[in-house]
Amino acid sequence: MKKVFVLILALCMVFAMASCASTDADLDYGNSGSRSSVEMNDPSARPAISGTVSNMEQYDVVFVG
């Protein structure tokens, strides 16, 4: 039997973004001043990794999503 580890990264971002909807201008990756481009280039826009997983080698499959 395979052991599977599931790490959900995006869940906290879904709740954070729910209160401020994105416009087409926000999502314009071609514009360096758009919200998506600014956040992508700002390391503080994403939560830091808070810890590690013990014995990661024991898992056959790791889902990150």
N, C-alpha and C. Protein backbone atom coordinates (compact mmCIF):
# COMPACT_ATOMS: atom_id res chain seq x y z
N MET A 1 0.84 -1.17 0.00
CA MET A 1 0.00 0.00 0.00
C MET A 1 0.89 1.24 0.00
N LYS A 2 0.57 2.18 -0.89
CA LYS A 2 1.33 3.43 -0.96
C LYS A 2 0.90 4.38 0.14
N LYS A 3 1.85 5.10 0.67
CA LYS A 3 1.55 6.15 1.64
C LYS A 3 1.52 7.48 0.89
N VAL A 4 0.50 8.28 1.16
CA VAL A 4 0.32 9.54 0.46
C VAL A 4 0.30 10.68 1.48
N PHE A 5 1.05 11.73 1.18
CA PHE A 5 1.08 12.93 2.00
C PHE A 5 0.47 14.06 1.19
N VAL A 6 -0.48 14.78 1.76
CA VAL A 6 -1.14 15.87 1.05
C VAL A 6 -0.84 17.17 1.79
N LEU A 7 -0.31 18.14 1.07
CA LEU A 7 0.00 19.44 1.62
C LEU A 7 -0.82 20.48 0.88
N ILE A 8 -1.68 21.17 1.61
CA ILE A 8 -2.55 22.17 0.98
C ILE A 8 -2.02 23.55 1.32
N LEU A 9 -1.49 24.22 0.31
CA LEU A 9 -0.89 25.53 0.48
C LEU A 9 -1.87 26.66 0.18
N ALA A 10 -2.75 26.44 -0.75
CA ALA A 10 -3.57 27.53 -1.26
C ALA A 10 -4.78 27.85 -0.40
N LEU A 11 -5.15 27.01 0.53
CA LEU A 11 -6.38 27.21 1.28
C LEU A 11 -6.40 28.54 2.02
N CYS A 12 -5.32 28.89 2.69
CA CYS A 12 -5.31 30.16 3.43
C CYS A 12 -5.41 31.33 2.47
N MET A 13 -4.85 31.22 1.28
CA MET A 13 -4.92 32.31 0.32
C MET A 13 -6.35 32.48 -0.21
N VAL A 14 -7.12 31.40 -0.31
CA VAL A 14 -8.50 31.49 -0.78
C VAL A 14 -9.30 32.35 0.18
N PHE A 15 -9.15 32.12 1.47
CA PHE A 15 -9.89 32.91 2.45
C PHE A 15 -9.40 34.35 2.49
N ALA A 16 -8.11 34.57 2.33
CA ALA A 16 -7.56 35.92 2.34
C ALA A 16 -8.05 36.72 1.14
N MET A 17 -8.17 36.07 -0.01
CA MET A 17 -8.53 36.76 -1.23
C MET A 17 -10.05 36.90 -1.40
N ALA A 18 -10.83 36.15 -0.63
CA ALA A 18 -12.28 36.17 -0.79
C ALA A 18 -12.86 37.55 -0.58
N SER A 19 -12.25 38.34 0.28
CA SER A 19 -12.80 39.65 0.58
C SER A 19 -12.37 40.73 -0.41
N CYS A 20 -11.42 40.44 -1.28
CA CYS A 20 -11.04 41.46 -2.27
C CYS A 20 -10.96 40.81 -3.65
N ALA A 21 -12.04 40.98 -4.38
CA ALA A 21 -12.16 40.36 -5.70
C ALA A 21 -11.13 40.94 -6.67
N SER A 22 -10.70 40.13 -7.61
CA SER A 22 -9.72 40.53 -8.61
C SER A 22 -10.42 41.07 -9.86
N THR A 23 -9.88 42.14 -10.39
CA THR A 23 -10.39 42.67 -11.66
C THR A 23 -9.48 42.18 -12.78
N ASP A 24 -9.88 42.41 -14.02
CA ASP A 24 -9.03 42.03 -15.16
C ASP A 24 -7.69 42.76 -15.08
N ALA A 25 -7.72 44.02 -14.65
CA ALA A 25 -6.48 44.79 -14.53
C ALA A 25 -5.56 44.19 -13.45
N ASP A 26 -6.16 43.68 -12.36
CA ASP A 26 -5.37 43.04 -11.30
C ASP A 26 -4.62 41.83 -11.82
N LEU A 27 -5.22 41.11 -12.76
CA LEU A 27 -4.67 39.84 -13.24
C LEU A 27 -3.84 39.99 -14.51
N ASP A 28 -3.53 41.20 -14.92
CA ASP A 28 -2.76 41.46 -16.14
C ASP A 28 -1.28 41.23 -15.87
N TYR A 29 -0.82 40.00 -16.12
CA TYR A 29 0.58 39.66 -15.87
C TYR A 29 1.56 40.41 -16.78
N GLY A 30 1.06 40.97 -17.86
CA GLY A 30 1.90 41.74 -18.76
C GLY A 30 2.21 43.14 -18.24
N ASN A 31 1.48 43.56 -17.23
CA ASN A 31 1.66 44.89 -16.64
C ASN A 31 2.43 44.73 -15.33
N SER A 32 3.63 45.27 -15.26
CA SER A 32 4.46 45.11 -14.05
C SER A 32 3.87 45.81 -12.84
N GLY A 33 2.90 46.70 -13.04
CA GLY A 33 2.27 47.39 -11.92
C GLY A 33 0.96 46.75 -11.46
N SER A 34 0.53 45.67 -12.14
CA SER A 34 -0.73 45.04 -11.75
C SER A 34 -0.58 44.33 -10.41
N ARG A 35 -1.70 44.13 -9.75
CA ARG A 35 -1.67 43.49 -8.43
C ARG A 35 -1.01 42.11 -8.47
N SER A 36 -1.32 41.32 -9.50
CA SER A 36 -0.74 39.97 -9.59
C SER A 36 0.77 40.02 -9.75
N SER A 37 1.27 40.94 -10.55
CA SER A 37 2.72 41.06 -10.76
C SER A 37 3.41 41.56 -9.50
N VAL A 38 2.82 42.55 -8.84
CA VAL A 38 3.41 43.09 -7.62
C VAL A 38 3.47 42.02 -6.54
N GLU A 39 2.36 41.28 -6.35
CA GLU A 39 2.33 40.23 -5.33
C GLU A 39 3.29 39.09 -5.66
N MET A 40 3.40 38.75 -6.96
CA MET A 40 4.30 37.67 -7.36
C MET A 40 5.75 38.01 -7.04
N ASN A 41 6.10 39.27 -7.13
CA ASN A 41 7.48 39.69 -6.89
C ASN A 41 7.75 40.12 -5.44
N ASP A 42 6.74 40.00 -4.58
CA ASP A 42 6.87 40.39 -3.18
C ASP A 42 6.87 39.15 -2.29
N PRO A 43 8.03 38.75 -1.76
CA PRO A 43 8.10 37.54 -0.92
C PRO A 43 7.19 37.60 0.30
N SER A 44 6.88 38.79 0.79
CA SER A 44 6.02 38.88 1.97
C SER A 44 4.54 38.70 1.63
N ALA A 45 4.21 38.56 0.35
CA ALA A 45 2.82 38.37 -0.07
C ALA A 45 2.34 36.94 0.17
N ARG A 46 3.25 36.03 0.45
CA ARG A 46 2.90 34.63 0.69
C ARG A 46 3.33 34.24 2.10
N PRO A 47 2.57 33.37 2.75
CA PRO A 47 2.96 32.95 4.10
C PRO A 47 4.25 32.15 4.08
N ALA A 48 5.03 32.30 5.13
CA ALA A 48 6.27 31.55 5.25
C ALA A 48 5.97 30.08 5.55
N ILE A 49 6.87 29.21 5.18
CA ILE A 49 6.74 27.80 5.54
C ILE A 49 6.95 27.69 7.04
N SER A 50 6.01 27.08 7.73
CA SER A 50 6.03 27.11 9.19
C SER A 50 6.72 25.91 9.83
N GLY A 51 7.08 24.92 9.06
CA GLY A 51 7.71 23.76 9.68
C GLY A 51 8.16 22.75 8.65
N THR A 52 8.49 21.58 9.13
CA THR A 52 8.94 20.50 8.25
C THR A 52 8.12 19.25 8.52
N VAL A 53 8.24 18.29 7.64
CA VAL A 53 7.56 17.01 7.80
C VAL A 53 8.61 15.97 8.18
N SER A 54 8.37 15.30 9.28
CA SER A 54 9.29 14.24 9.70
C SER A 54 9.16 13.04 8.78
N ASN A 55 10.26 12.41 8.48
CA ASN A 55 10.27 11.16 7.70
C ASN A 55 9.58 11.29 6.34
N MET A 56 9.86 12.35 5.61
CA MET A 56 9.25 12.54 4.30
C MET A 56 9.54 11.37 3.37
N GLU A 57 10.68 10.72 3.57
CA GLU A 57 11.05 9.60 2.69
C GLU A 57 10.11 8.40 2.81
N GLN A 58 9.25 8.36 3.81
CA GLN A 58 8.33 7.23 3.97
C GLN A 58 7.14 7.30 3.02
N TYR A 59 6.94 8.45 2.37
CA TYR A 59 5.81 8.61 1.46
C TYR A 59 6.20 8.29 0.05
N ASP A 60 5.27 7.61 -0.66
CA ASP A 60 5.48 7.26 -2.06
C ASP A 60 5.00 8.38 -2.98
N VAL A 61 3.99 9.11 -2.54
CA VAL A 61 3.40 10.17 -3.34
C VAL A 61 3.20 11.39 -2.45
N VAL A 62 3.53 12.57 -2.99
CA VAL A 62 3.30 13.83 -2.27
C VAL A 62 2.50 14.74 -3.19
N PHE A 63 1.31 15.15 -2.73
CA PHE A 63 0.48 16.09 -3.48
C PHE A 63 0.67 17.46 -2.85
N VAL A 64 0.97 18.45 -3.68
CA VAL A 64 1.08 19.83 -3.22
C VAL A 64 0.05 20.63 -3.99
N GLY A 65 -0.84 21.29 -3.30
CA GLY A 65 -1.87 22.02 -4.01
C GLY A 65 -2.49 23.08 -3.20
